[in-house]
PDB file of all heavy atoms in Angstrom:
ATOM      1  N   PHE A   1      35.050 -36.243 106.373  1.00  0.00           N
ATOM      2  CA  PHE A   1      33.693 -36.013 106.732  1.00  0.00           C
ATOM      3  C   PHE A   1      33.608 -34.553 107.293  1.00  0.00           C
ATOM      4  O   PHE A   1      34.545 -33.953 107.801  1.00  0.00           O
ATOM      5  CB  PHE A   1      33.404 -36.913 107.954  1.00  0.00           C
ATOM      6  CG  PHE A   1      33.328 -38.401 107.590  1.00  0.00           C
ATOM      7  CD1 PHE A   1      34.377 -39.248 107.883  1.00  0.00           C
ATOM      8  CD2 PHE A   1      32.186 -38.866 106.958  1.00  0.00           C
ATOM      9  CE1 PHE A   1      34.293 -40.592 107.497  1.00  0.00           C
ATOM     10  CE2 PHE A   1      32.116 -40.226 106.585  1.00  0.00           C
ATOM     11  CZ  PHE A   1      33.188 -41.085 106.837  1.00  0.00           C
ATOM     12  N   LEU A   2      32.314 -33.991 107.148  1.00  0.00           N
ATOM     13  CA  LEU A   2      31.999 -32.664 107.638  1.00  0.00           C
ATOM     14  C   LEU A   2      30.976 -32.797 108.648  1.00  0.00           C
ATOM     15  O   LEU A   2      29.836 -33.257 108.404  1.00  0.00           O
ATOM     16  CB  LEU A   2      31.485 -31.755 106.411  1.00  0.00           C
ATOM     17  CG  LEU A   2      31.168 -30.381 106.802  1.00  0.00           C
ATOM     18  CD1 LEU A   2      32.349 -29.600 107.366  1.00  0.00           C
ATOM     19  CD2 LEU A   2      30.574 -29.693 105.559  1.00  0.00           C
ATOM     20  N   TYR A   3      31.229 -32.338 109.858  1.00  0.00           N
ATOM     21  CA  TYR A   3      30.343 -32.391 111.049  1.00  0.00           C
ATOM     22  C   TYR A   3      29.843 -31.009 111.381  1.00  0.00           C
ATOM     23  O   TYR A   3      30.617 -30.041 111.262  1.00  0.00           O
ATOM     24  CB  TYR A   3      30.923 -33.201 112.179  1.00  0.00           C
ATOM     25  CG  TYR A   3      31.248 -34.561 111.916  1.00  0.00           C
ATOM     26  CD1 TYR A   3      32.423 -34.942 111.647  1.00  0.00           C
ATOM     27  CD2 TYR A   3      30.190 -35.535 112.010  1.00  0.00           C
ATOM     28  CE1 TYR A   3      32.802 -36.337 111.430  1.00  0.00           C
ATOM     29  CE2 TYR A   3      30.521 -36.892 111.828  1.00  0.00           C
ATOM     30  CZ  TYR A   3      31.808 -37.289 111.511  1.00  0.00           C
ATOM     31  OH  TYR A   3      32.026 -38.568 111.281  1.00  0.00           O
ATOM     32  N   GLN A   4      28.782 -30.827 111.996  1.00  0.00           N
ATOM     33  CA  GLN A   4      28.206 -29.663 112.614  1.00  0.00           C
ATOM     34  C   GLN A   4      27.829 -29.825 114.035  1.00  0.00           C
ATOM     35  O   GLN A   4      27.251 -30.859 114.393  1.00  0.00           O
ATOM     36  CB  GLN A   4      27.006 -29.215 111.804  1.00  0.00           C
ATOM     37  CG  GLN A   4      26.425 -27.790 112.242  1.00  0.00           C
ATOM     38  CD  GLN A   4      25.023 -27.571 111.693  1.00  0.00           C
ATOM     39  OE1 GLN A   4      24.057 -28.136 112.193  1.00  0.00           O
ATOM     40  NE2 GLN A   4      24.978 -26.854 110.537  1.00  0.00           N
ATOM     41  N   TYR A   5      28.224 -28.891 114.966  1.00  0.00           N
ATOM     42  CA  TYR A   5      27.906 -28.871 116.311  1.00  0.00           C
ATOM     43  C   TYR A   5      27.171 -27.521 116.655  1.00  0.00           C
ATOM     44  O   TYR A   5      27.536 -26.501 116.092  1.00  0.00           O
ATOM     45  CB  TYR A   5      29.104 -29.059 117.236  1.00  0.00           C
ATOM     46  CG  TYR A   5      29.842 -30.296 117.086  1.00  0.00           C
ATOM     47  CD1 TYR A   5      30.857 -30.472 116.143  1.00  0.00           C
ATOM     48  CD2 TYR A   5      29.622 -31.367 117.956  1.00  0.00           C
ATOM     49  CE1 TYR A   5      31.533 -31.621 116.003  1.00  0.00           C
ATOM     50  CE2 TYR A   5      30.325 -32.537 117.882  1.00  0.00           C
ATOM     51  CZ  TYR A   5      31.365 -32.642 116.885  1.00  0.00           C
ATOM     52  OH  TYR A   5      32.005 -33.861 116.735  1.00  0.00           O
ATOM     53  N   ASN A   6      26.196 -27.630 117.572  1.00  0.00           N
ATOM     54  CA  ASN A   6      25.529 -26.424 118.142  1.00  0.00           C
ATOM     55  C   ASN A   6      26.210 -26.065 119.373  1.00  0.00           C
ATOM     56  O   ASN A   6      26.003 -26.708 120.413  1.00  0.00           O
ATOM     57  CB  ASN A   6      24.043 -26.644 118.324  1.00  0.00           C
ATOM     58  CG  ASN A   6      23.334 -25.372 118.701  1.00  0.00           C
ATOM     59  OD1 ASN A   6      23.971 -24.406 119.218  1.00  0.00           O
ATOM     60  ND2 ASN A   6      21.998 -25.399 118.685  1.00  0.00           N
ATOM     61  N   VAL A   7      27.048 -25.040 119.365  1.00  0.00           N
ATOM     62  CA  VAL A   7      27.852 -24.707 120.545  1.00  0.00           C
ATOM     63  C   VAL A   7      27.064 -23.838 121.562  1.00  0.00           C
ATOM     64  O   VAL A   7      27.639 -23.519 122.552  1.00  0.00           O
ATOM     65  CB  VAL A   7      29.201 -23.945 120.184  1.00  0.00           C
ATOM     66  CG1 VAL A   7      30.120 -24.915 119.426  1.00  0.00           C
ATOM     67  CG2 VAL A   7      28.937 -22.612 119.326  1.00  0.00           C
ATOM     68  N   THR A   8      25.873 -23.534 121.221  1.00  0.00           N
ATOM     69  CA  THR A   8      24.958 -22.761 122.198  1.00  0.00           C
ATOM     70  C   THR A   8      24.218 -23.831 123.124  1.00  0.00           C
ATOM     71  O   THR A   8      23.465 -23.415 124.065  1.00  0.00           O
ATOM     72  CB  THR A   8      23.919 -21.909 121.529  1.00  0.00           C
ATOM     73  OG1 THR A   8      23.070 -22.681 120.803  1.00  0.00           O
ATOM     74  CG2 THR A   8      24.734 -20.966 120.680  1.00  0.00           C
ATOM     75  N   SER A   9      24.339 -25.123 122.776  1.00  0.00           N
ATOM     76  CA  SER A   9      23.517 -26.127 123.371  1.00  0.00           C
ATOM     77  C   SER A   9      24.212 -26.440 124.782  1.00  0.00           C
ATOM     78  O   SER A   9      25.405 -26.465 124.920  1.00  0.00           O
ATOM     79  CB  SER A   9      23.392 -27.381 122.618  1.00  0.00           C
ATOM     80  OG  SER A   9      22.854 -28.484 123.321  1.00  0.00           O
ATOM     81  N   PRO A  10      23.390 -26.754 125.838  1.00  0.00           N
ATOM     82  CA  PRO A  10      24.048 -27.254 127.060  1.00  0.00           C
ATOM     83  C   PRO A  10      24.757 -28.543 126.918  1.00  0.00           C
ATOM     84  O   PRO A  10      25.581 -28.945 127.766  1.00  0.00           O
ATOM     85  CB  PRO A  10      22.886 -27.273 128.044  1.00  0.00           C
ATOM     86  CG  PRO A  10      21.679 -27.371 127.201  1.00  0.00           C
ATOM     87  CD  PRO A  10      21.905 -26.651 125.966  1.00  0.00           C
ATOM     88  N   ASN A  11      24.419 -29.349 125.879  1.00  0.00           N
ATOM     89  CA  ASN A  11      24.974 -30.635 125.577  1.00  0.00           C
ATOM     90  C   ASN A  11      25.528 -30.600 124.125  1.00  0.00           C
ATOM     91  O   ASN A  11      24.885 -31.154 123.223  1.00  0.00           O
ATOM     92  CB  ASN A  11      24.040 -31.726 125.799  1.00  0.00           C
ATOM     93  CG  ASN A  11      24.648 -33.084 125.626  1.00  0.00           C
ATOM     94  OD1 ASN A  11      25.852 -33.253 125.404  1.00  0.00           O
ATOM     95  ND2 ASN A  11      23.818 -34.233 125.784  1.00  0.00           N
ATOM     96  N   ILE A  12      26.604 -29.954 123.939  1.00  0.00           N
ATOM     97  CA  ILE A  12      27.195 -29.766 122.565  1.00  0.00           C
ATOM     98  C   ILE A  12      27.370 -31.117 121.902  1.00  0.00           C
ATOM     99  O   ILE A  12      27.134 -31.307 120.724  1.00  0.00           O
ATOM    100  CB  ILE A  12      28.506 -28.942 122.569  1.00  0.00           C
ATOM    101  CG1 ILE A  12      28.205 -27.584 123.181  1.00  0.00           C
ATOM    102  CG2 ILE A  12      29.047 -28.815 121.173  1.00  0.00           C
ATOM    103  CD1 ILE A  12      29.409 -26.715 123.293  1.00  0.00           C
ATOM    104  N   PRO A  13      28.017 -32.200 122.581  1.00  0.00           N
ATOM    105  CA  PRO A  13      28.314 -33.458 121.805  1.00  0.00           C
ATOM    106  C   PRO A  13      27.036 -34.056 121.263  1.00  0.00           C
ATOM    107  O   PRO A  13      27.087 -34.696 120.266  1.00  0.00           O
ATOM    108  CB  PRO A  13      28.931 -34.287 122.903  1.00  0.00           C
ATOM    109  CG  PRO A  13      29.587 -33.364 123.877  1.00  0.00           C
ATOM    110  CD  PRO A  13      28.621 -32.149 123.863  1.00  0.00           C
ATOM    111  N   ALA A  14      25.941 -33.900 121.924  1.00  0.00           N
ATOM    112  CA  ALA A  14      24.666 -34.440 121.511  1.00  0.00           C
ATOM    113  C   ALA A  14      24.136 -33.882 120.129  1.00  0.00           C
ATOM    114  O   ALA A  14      23.213 -34.481 119.517  1.00  0.00           O
ATOM    115  CB  ALA A  14      23.607 -34.370 122.566  1.00  0.00           C
ATOM    116  N   THR A  15      24.639 -32.712 119.834  1.00  0.00           N
ATOM    117  CA  THR A  15      24.187 -32.007 118.603  1.00  0.00           C
ATOM    118  C   THR A  15      24.974 -32.390 117.371  1.00  0.00           C
ATOM    119  O   THR A  15      24.742 -31.896 116.320  1.00  0.00           O
ATOM    120  CB  THR A  15      24.197 -30.529 118.769  1.00  0.00           C
ATOM    121  OG1 THR A  15      25.578 -30.018 118.854  1.00  0.00           O
ATOM    122  CG2 THR A  15      23.512 -30.106 120.067  1.00  0.00           C
ATOM    123  N   LYS A  16      25.919 -33.252 117.491  1.00  0.00           N
ATOM    124  CA  LYS A  16      26.714 -33.586 116.432  1.00  0.00           C
ATOM    125  C   LYS A  16      25.934 -34.176 115.199  1.00  0.00           C
ATOM    126  O   LYS A  16      25.213 -35.092 115.397  1.00  0.00           O
ATOM    127  CB  LYS A  16      27.831 -34.723 116.822  1.00  0.00           C
ATOM    128  CG  LYS A  16      28.771 -35.165 115.690  1.00  0.00           C
ATOM    129  CD  LYS A  16      29.745 -36.214 116.301  1.00  0.00           C
ATOM    130  CE  LYS A  16      30.736 -36.674 115.226  1.00  0.00           C
ATOM    131  NZ  LYS A  16      31.687 -37.690 115.703  1.00  0.00           N
ATOM    132  N   THR A  17      26.141 -33.553 114.080  1.00  0.00           N
ATOM    133  CA  THR A  17      25.376 -33.948 112.860  1.00  0.00           C
ATOM    134  C   THR A  17      26.388 -34.159 111.722  1.00  0.00           C
ATOM    135  O   THR A  17      27.191 -33.188 111.392  1.00  0.00           O
ATOM    136  CB  THR A  17      24.404 -32.817 112.457  1.00  0.00           C
ATOM    137  OG1 THR A  17      23.488 -32.509 113.571  1.00  0.00           O
ATOM    138  CG2 THR A  17      23.574 -33.233 111.253  1.00  0.00           C
ATOM    139  N   LEU A  18      26.317 -35.291 111.020  1.00  0.00           N
ATOM    140  CA  LEU A  18      26.964 -35.503 109.788  1.00  0.00           C
ATOM    141  C   LEU A  18      26.372 -34.748 108.657  1.00  0.00           C
ATOM    142  O   LEU A  18      25.198 -35.133 108.260  1.00  0.00           O
ATOM    143  CB  LEU A  18      27.159 -37.021 109.554  1.00  0.00           C
ATOM    144  CG  LEU A  18      27.942 -37.366 108.228  1.00  0.00           C
ATOM    145  CD1 LEU A  18      29.400 -36.848 108.295  1.00  0.00           C
ATOM    146  CD2 LEU A  18      27.821 -38.876 107.976  1.00  0.00           C
ATOM    147  N   ILE A  19      27.069 -33.760 108.117  1.00  0.00           N
ATOM    148  CA  ILE A  19      26.487 -32.993 107.004  1.00  0.00           C
ATOM    149  C   ILE A  19      26.803 -33.692 105.709  1.00  0.00           C
ATOM    150  O   ILE A  19      25.884 -33.831 104.838  1.00  0.00           O
ATOM    151  CB  ILE A  19      27.128 -31.577 106.984  1.00  0.00           C
ATOM    152  CG1 ILE A  19      26.831 -30.757 108.274  1.00  0.00           C
ATOM    153  CG2 ILE A  19      26.593 -30.741 105.786  1.00  0.00           C
ATOM    154  CD1 ILE A  19      25.295 -30.663 108.565  1.00  0.00           C
ATOM    155  N   ASP A  20      27.980 -34.093 105.428  1.00  0.00           N
ATOM    156  CA  ASP A  20      28.345 -34.782 104.154  1.00  0.00           C
ATOM    157  C   ASP A  20      29.737 -35.298 104.192  1.00  0.00           C
ATOM    158  O   ASP A  20      30.432 -35.165 105.264  1.00  0.00           O
ATOM    159  CB  ASP A  20      28.118 -33.822 102.971  1.00  0.00           C
ATOM    160  CG  ASP A  20      27.718 -34.531 101.692  1.00  0.00           C
ATOM    161  OD1 ASP A  20      28.096 -35.663 101.499  1.00  0.00           O
ATOM    162  OD2 ASP A  20      27.065 -33.969 100.828  1.00  0.00           O
ATOM    163  N   SER A  21      30.263 -35.932 103.157  1.00  0.00           N
ATOM    164  CA  SER A  21      31.553 -36.451 103.117  1.00  0.00           C
ATOM    165  C   SER A  21      32.133 -36.327 101.654  1.00  0.00           C
ATOM    166  O   SER A  21      31.343 -36.164 100.704  1.00  0.00           O
ATOM    167  CB  SER A  21      31.609 -37.912 103.542  1.00  0.00           C
ATOM    168  OG  SER A  21      30.880 -38.672 102.692  1.00  0.00           O
ATOM    169  N   LEU A  22      33.426 -36.340 101.545  1.00  0.00           N
ATOM    170  CA  LEU A  22      34.134 -36.404 100.309  1.00  0.00           C
ATOM    171  C   LEU A  22      34.814 -37.707 100.275  1.00  0.00           C
ATOM    172  O   LEU A  22      35.352 -38.212 101.317  1.00  0.00           O
ATOM    173  CB  LEU A  22      35.178 -35.293 100.152  1.00  0.00           C
ATOM    174  CG  LEU A  22      34.684 -33.764 100.396  1.00  0.00           C
ATOM    175  CD1 LEU A  22      35.747 -32.813 100.216  1.00  0.00           C
ATOM    176  CD2 LEU A  22      33.505 -33.508  99.403  1.00  0.00           C
ATOM    177  N   GLN A  23      34.961 -38.266  99.077  1.00  0.00           N
ATOM    178  CA  GLN A  23      35.572 -39.594  98.960  1.00  0.00           C
ATOM    179  C   GLN A  23      36.733 -39.561  98.085  1.00  0.00           C
ATOM    180  O   GLN A  23      36.727 -38.741  97.050  1.00  0.00           O
ATOM    181  CB  GLN A  23      34.572 -40.660  98.325  1.00  0.00           C
ATOM    182  CG  GLN A  23      35.136 -42.002  98.318  1.00  0.00           C
ATOM    183  CD  GLN A  23      34.018 -42.995  97.942  1.00  0.00           C
ATOM    184  OE1 GLN A  23      32.883 -42.702  97.601  1.00  0.00           O
ATOM    185  NE2 GLN A  23      34.331 -44.321  97.920  1.00  0.00           N
ATOM    186  N   ASN A  24      37.840 -40.198  98.428  1.00  0.00           N
ATOM    187  CA  ASN A  24      39.077 -40.201  97.622  1.00  0.00           C
ATOM    188  C   ASN A  24      38.729 -40.704  96.224  1.00  0.00           C
ATOM    189  O   ASN A  24      37.784 -41.585  96.032  1.00  0.00           O
ATOM    190  CB  ASN A  24      40.183 -41.183  98.225  1.00  0.00           C
ATOM    191  CG  ASN A  24      40.934 -40.460  99.322  1.00  0.00           C
ATOM    192  OD1 ASN A  24      40.589 -39.321  99.617  1.00  0.00           O
ATOM    193  ND2 ASN A  24      41.892 -41.089  99.820  1.00  0.00           N
ATOM    194  N   PRO A  25      39.400 -40.101  95.171  1.00  0.00           N
ATOM    195  CA  PRO A  25      40.655 -39.366  95.274  1.00  0.00           C
ATOM    196  C   PRO A  25      40.466 -37.890  95.754  1.00  0.00           C
ATOM    197  O   PRO A  25      41.475 -37.175  95.767  1.00  0.00           O
ATOM    198  CB  PRO A  25      41.146 -39.428  93.848  1.00  0.00           C
ATOM    199  CG  PRO A  25      39.977 -39.403  92.973  1.00  0.00           C
ATOM    200  CD  PRO A  25      39.031 -40.348  93.848  1.00  0.00           C
ATOM    201  N   GLY A  26      39.200 -37.422  95.948  1.00  0.00           N
ATOM    202  CA  GLY A  26      38.994 -36.181  96.538  1.00  0.00           C
ATOM    203  C   GLY A  26      39.180 -36.155  98.087  1.00  0.00           C
ATOM    204  O   GLY A  26      38.600 -37.059  98.663  1.00  0.00           O
ATOM    205  N   GLN A  27      39.925 -35.226  98.552  1.00  0.00           N
ATOM    206  CA  GLN A  27      40.104 -35.220 100.023  1.00  0.00           C
ATOM    207  C   GLN A  27      40.043 -33.801 100.552  1.00  0.00           C
ATOM    208  O   GLN A  27      40.499 -32.761  99.904  1.00  0.00           O
ATOM    209  CB  GLN A  27      41.602 -35.727 100.304  1.00  0.00           C
ATOM    210  CG  GLN A  27      41.898 -35.829 101.867  1.00  0.00           C
ATOM    211  CD  GLN A  27      43.236 -36.361 102.072  1.00  0.00           C
ATOM    212  OE1 GLN A  27      43.831 -37.098 101.241  1.00  0.00           O
ATOM    213  NE2 GLN A  27      43.923 -36.049 103.178  1.00  0.00           N
ATOM    214  N   GLY A  28      39.314 -33.589 101.667  1.00  0.00           N
ATOM    215  CA  GLY A  28      39.067 -32.253 102.254  1.00  0.00           C
ATOM    216  C   GLY A  28      40.060 -31.781 103.128  1.00  0.00           C
ATOM    217  O   GLY A  28      40.810 -32.555 103.873  1.00  0.00           O
ATOM    218  N   GLY A  29      40.317 -30.427 103.096  1.00  0.00           N
ATOM    219  CA  GLY A  29      41.350 -29.844 104.027  1.00  0.00           C
ATOM    220  C   GLY A  29      40.824 -28.743 104.836  1.00  0.00           C
ATOM    221  O   GLY A  29      39.938 -28.983 105.643  1.00  0.00           O
ATOM    222  N   GLU A  30      41.246 -27.490 104.699  1.00  0.00           N
ATOM    223  CA  GLU A  30      40.957 -26.483 105.626  1.00  0.00           C
ATOM    224  C   GLU A  30      39.518 -25.868 105.273  1.00  0.00           C
ATOM    225  O   GLU A  30      39.107 -25.794 104.182  1.00  0.00           O
ATOM    226  CB  GLU A  30      42.007 -25.298 105.379  1.00  0.00           C
ATOM    227  CG  GLU A  30      41.911 -24.189 106.441  1.00  0.00           C
ATOM    228  CD  GLU A  30      42.481 -24.654 107.804  1.00  0.00           C
ATOM    229  OE1 GLU A  30      43.038 -25.791 107.924  1.00  0.00           O
ATOM    230  OE2 GLU A  30      42.219 -24.019 108.745  1.00  0.00           O
ATOM    231  N   LEU A  31      38.844 -25.563 106.408  1.00  0.00           N
ATOM    232  CA  LEU A  31      37.545 -24.792 106.289  1.00  0.00           C
ATOM    233  C   LEU A  31      37.845 -23.336 106.704  1.00  0.00           C
ATOM    234  O   LEU A  31      38.666 -23.062 107.574  1.00  0.00           O
ATOM    235  CB  LEU A  31      36.580 -25.340 107.387  1.00  0.00           C
ATOM    236  CG  LEU A  31      36.077 -26.751 107.141  1.00  0.00           C
ATOM    237  CD1 LEU A  31      35.388 -27.240 108.491  1.00  0.00           C
ATOM    238  CD2 LEU A  31      35.016 -26.909 106.096  1.00  0.00           C
ATOM    239  N   LYS A  32      37.098 -22.382 105.951  1.00  0.00           N
ATOM    240  CA  LYS A  32      37.349 -20.997 106.302  1.00  0.00           C
ATOM    241  C   LYS A  32      36.016 -20.172 105.941  1.00  0.00           C
ATOM    242  O   LYS A  32      35.578 -20.359 104.808  1.00  0.00           O
ATOM    243  CB  LYS A  32      38.554 -20.391 105.619  1.00  0.00           C
ATOM    244  CG  LYS A  32      38.924 -18.964 106.042  1.00  0.00           C
ATOM    245  CD  LYS A  32      40.188 -18.534 105.562  1.00  0.00           C
ATOM    246  CE  LYS A  32      40.601 -17.143 106.049  1.00  0.00           C
ATOM    247  NZ  LYS A  32      40.751 -17.046 107.462  1.00  0.00           N
ATOM    248  N   LEU A  33      35.651 -19.308 106.860  1.00  0.00           N
ATOM    249  CA  LEU A  33      34.515 -18.388 106.519  1.00  0.00           C
ATOM    250  C   LEU A  33      35.102 -17.243 105.819  1.00  0.00           C
ATOM    251  O   LEU A  33      36.085 -16.622 106.101  1.00  0.00           O
ATOM    252  CB  LEU A  33      33.950 -17.911 107.871  1.00  0.00           C
ATOM    253  CG  LEU A  33      32.853 -16.836 107.736  1.00  0.00           C
ATOM    254  CD1 LEU A  33      31.583 -17.523 107.017  1.00  0.00           C
ATOM    255  CD2 LEU A  33      32.492 -16.247 109.007  1.00  0.00           C
ATOM    256  N   ALA A  34      34.327 -16.960 104.686  1.00  0.00           N
ATOM    257  CA  ALA A  34      34.757 -15.762 103.807  1.00  0.00           C
ATOM    258  C   ALA A  34      33.777 -14.517 104.131  1.00  0.00           C
ATOM    259  O   ALA A  34      32.764 -14.734 104.762  1.00  0.00           O
ATOM    260  CB  ALA A  34      34.558 -16.127 102.347  1.00  0.00           C
ATOM    261  N   PRO A  35      34.194 -13.336 103.692  1.00  0.00           N
ATOM    262  CA  PRO A  35      33.353 -12.176 103.978  1.00  0.00           C
ATOM    263  C   PRO A  35      31.972 -12.212 103.317  1.00  0.00           C
ATOM    264  O   PRO A  35      31.104 -11.485 103.686  1.00  0.00           O
ATOM    265  CB  PRO A  35      34.216 -11.008 103.407  1.00  0.00           C
ATOM    266  CG  PRO A  35      35.644 -11.510 103.560  1.00  0.00           C
ATOM    267  CD  PRO A  35      35.593 -13.031 103.238  1.00  0.00           C
ATOM    268  N   ASP A  36      31.793 -13.234 102.449  1.00  0.00           N
ATOM    269  CA  ASP A  36      30.444 -13.245 101.726  1.00  0.00           C
ATOM    270  C   ASP A  36      29.475 -14.081 102.649  1.00  0.00           C
ATOM    271  O   ASP A  36      28.417 -14.355 102.280  1.00  0.00           O
ATOM    272  CB  ASP A  36      30.522 -13.835 100.378  1.00  0.00           C
ATOM    273  CG  ASP A  36      31.111 -15.296 100.380  1.00  0.00           C
ATOM    274  OD1 ASP A  36      31.479 -15.802 101.411  1.00  0.00           O
ATOM    275  OD2 ASP A  36      31.221 -15.859  99.265  1.00  0.00           O
ATOM    276  N   GLY A  37      29.958 -14.517 103.879  1.00  0.00           N
ATOM    277  CA  GLY A  37      29.064 -15.258 104.750  1.00  0.00           C
ATOM    278  C   GLY A  37      29.055 -16.757 104.483  1.00  0.00           C
ATOM    279  O   GLY A  37      28.278 -17.437 105.226  1.00  0.00           O
ATOM    280  N   LYS A  38      29.818 -17.313 103.572  1.00  0.00           N
ATOM    281  CA  LYS A  38      29.804 -18.680 103.215  1.00  0.00           C
ATOM    282  C   LYS A  38      31.166 -19.304 103.740  1.00  0.00           C
ATOM    283  O   LYS A  38      32.176 -18.618 103.877  1.00  0.00           O
ATOM    284  CB  LYS A  38      29.817 -18.892 101.755  1.00  0.00           C
ATOM    285  CG  LYS A  38      28.521 -18.331 101.107  1.00  0.00           C
ATOM    286  CD  LYS A  38      28.503 -18.494  99.569  1.00  0.00           C
ATOM    287  CE  LYS A  38      27.272 -17.903  98.890  1.00  0.00           C
ATOM    288  NZ  LYS A  38      27.317 -18.020  97.473  1.00  0.00           N
ATOM    289  N   ILE A  39      31.143 -20.608 104.085  1.00  0.00           N
ATOM    290  CA  ILE A  39      32.262 -21.340 104.531  1.00  0.00           C
ATOM    291  C   ILE A  39      32.772 -22.143 103.337  1.00  0.00           C
ATOM    292  O   ILE A  39      31.965 -22.968 102.776  1.00  0.00           O
ATOM    293  CB  ILE A  39      31.985 -22.192 105.760  1.00  0.00           C
ATOM    294  CG1 ILE A  39      31.685 -21.312 107.032  1.00  0.00           C
ATOM    295  CG2 ILE A  39      33.175 -23.087 106.091  1.00  0.00           C
ATOM    296  CD1 ILE A  39      31.299 -22.095 108.228  1.00  0.00           C
ATOM    297  N   TYR A  40      34.047 -22.016 103.070  1.00  0.00           N
ATOM    298  CA  TYR A  40      34.629 -22.694 101.940  1.00  0.00           C
ATOM    299  C   TYR A  40      35.572 -23.845 102.546  1.00  0.00           C
ATOM    300  O   TYR A  40      36.283 -23.708 103.525  1.00  0.00           O
ATOM    301  CB  TYR A  40      35.439 -21.744 101.082  1.00  0.00           C
ATOM    302  CG  TYR A  40      34.662 -20.727 100.296  1.00  0.00           C
ATOM    303  CD1 TYR A  40      34.050 -19.652 100.974  1.00  0.00           C
ATOM    304  CD2 TYR A  40      34.233 -20.956  99.021  1.00  0.00           C
ATOM    305  CE1 TYR A  40      33.176 -18.807 100.374  1.00  0.00           C
ATOM    306  CE2 TYR A  40      33.494 -20.041  98.335  1.00  0.00           C
ATOM    307  CZ  TYR A  40      32.907 -18.984  99.023  1.00  0.00           C
ATOM    308  OH  TYR A  40      32.048 -18.143  98.415  1.00  0.00           O
ATOM    309  N   TRP A  41      35.556 -24.904 101.745  1.00  0.00           N
ATOM    310  CA  TRP A  41      36.287 -26.149 102.128  1.00  0.00           C
ATOM    311  C   TRP A  41      37.280 -26.526 101.021  1.00  0.00           C
ATOM    312  O   TRP A  41      36.967 -26.800  99.947  1.00  0.00           O
ATOM    313  CB  TRP A  41      35.370 -27.302 102.424  1.00  0.00           C
ATOM    314  CG  TRP A  41      35.947 -28.493 103.092  1.00  0.00           C
ATOM    315  CD1 TRP A  41      37.127 -28.610 103.710  1.00  0.00           C
ATOM    316  CD2 TRP A  41      35.228 -29.777 103.286  1.00  0.00           C
ATOM    317  NE1 TRP A  41      37.350 -29.834 104.230  1.00  0.00           N
ATOM    318  CE2 TRP A  41      36.130 -30.627 104.022  1.00  0.00           C
ATOM    319  CE3 TRP A  41      34.068 -30.249 102.943  1.00  0.00           C
ATOM    320  CZ2 TRP A  41      35.865 -31.915 104.442  1.00  0.00           C
ATOM    321  CZ3 TRP A  41      33.721 -31.627 103.327  1.00  0.00           C
ATOM    322  CH2 TRP A  41      34.637 -32.383 104.004  1.00  0.00           C
ATOM    323  N   ALA A  42      38.595 -26.361 101.340  1.00  0.00           N
ATOM    324  CA  ALA A  42      39.647 -26.648 100.341  1.00  0.00           C
ATOM    325  C   ALA A  42      39.742 -28.112 100.115  1.00  0.00           C
ATOM    326  O   ALA A  42      39.376 -28.963 100.959  1.00  0.00           O
ATOM    327  CB  ALA A  42      40.964 -26.088 100.832  1.00  0.00           C
ATOM    328  N   GLY A  43      40.159 -28.516  98.933  1.00  0.00           N
ATOM    329  CA  GLY A  43      40.359 -29.968  98.671  1.00  0.00           C
ATOM    330  C   GLY A  43      41.618 -30.207  97.878  1.00  0.00           C
ATOM    331  O   GLY A  43      42.201 -29.310  97.276  1.00  0.00           O
ATOM    332  N   ILE A  44      41.928 -31.515  97.809  1.00  0.00           N
ATOM    333  CA  ILE A  44      43.242 -31.899  97.067  1.00  0.00           C
ATOM    334  C   ILE A  44      42.768 -33.225  96.282  1.00  0.00           C
ATOM    335  O   ILE A  44      41.868 -33.891  96.590  1.00  0.00           O
ATOM    336  CB  ILE A  44      44.324 -32.169  98.061  1.00  0.00           C
ATOM    337  CG1 ILE A  44      45.673 -32.296  97.361  1.00  0.00           C
ATOM    338  CG2 ILE A  44      44.036 -33.401  98.901  1.00  0.00           C
ATOM    339  CD1 ILE A  44      46.878 -32.357  98.213  1.00  0.00           C
TER     340      ILE A  44
END
């Protein structure tokens, strides 16, 4: 699962949003921001 939180909110847990999910046999691993301003999600 991929979740998003607004860390500027006074109630961060309440901002939890499910963005999407991957289903086996695809499995998600590391997230990383690249210099192009996009976040990449590795998979296996």
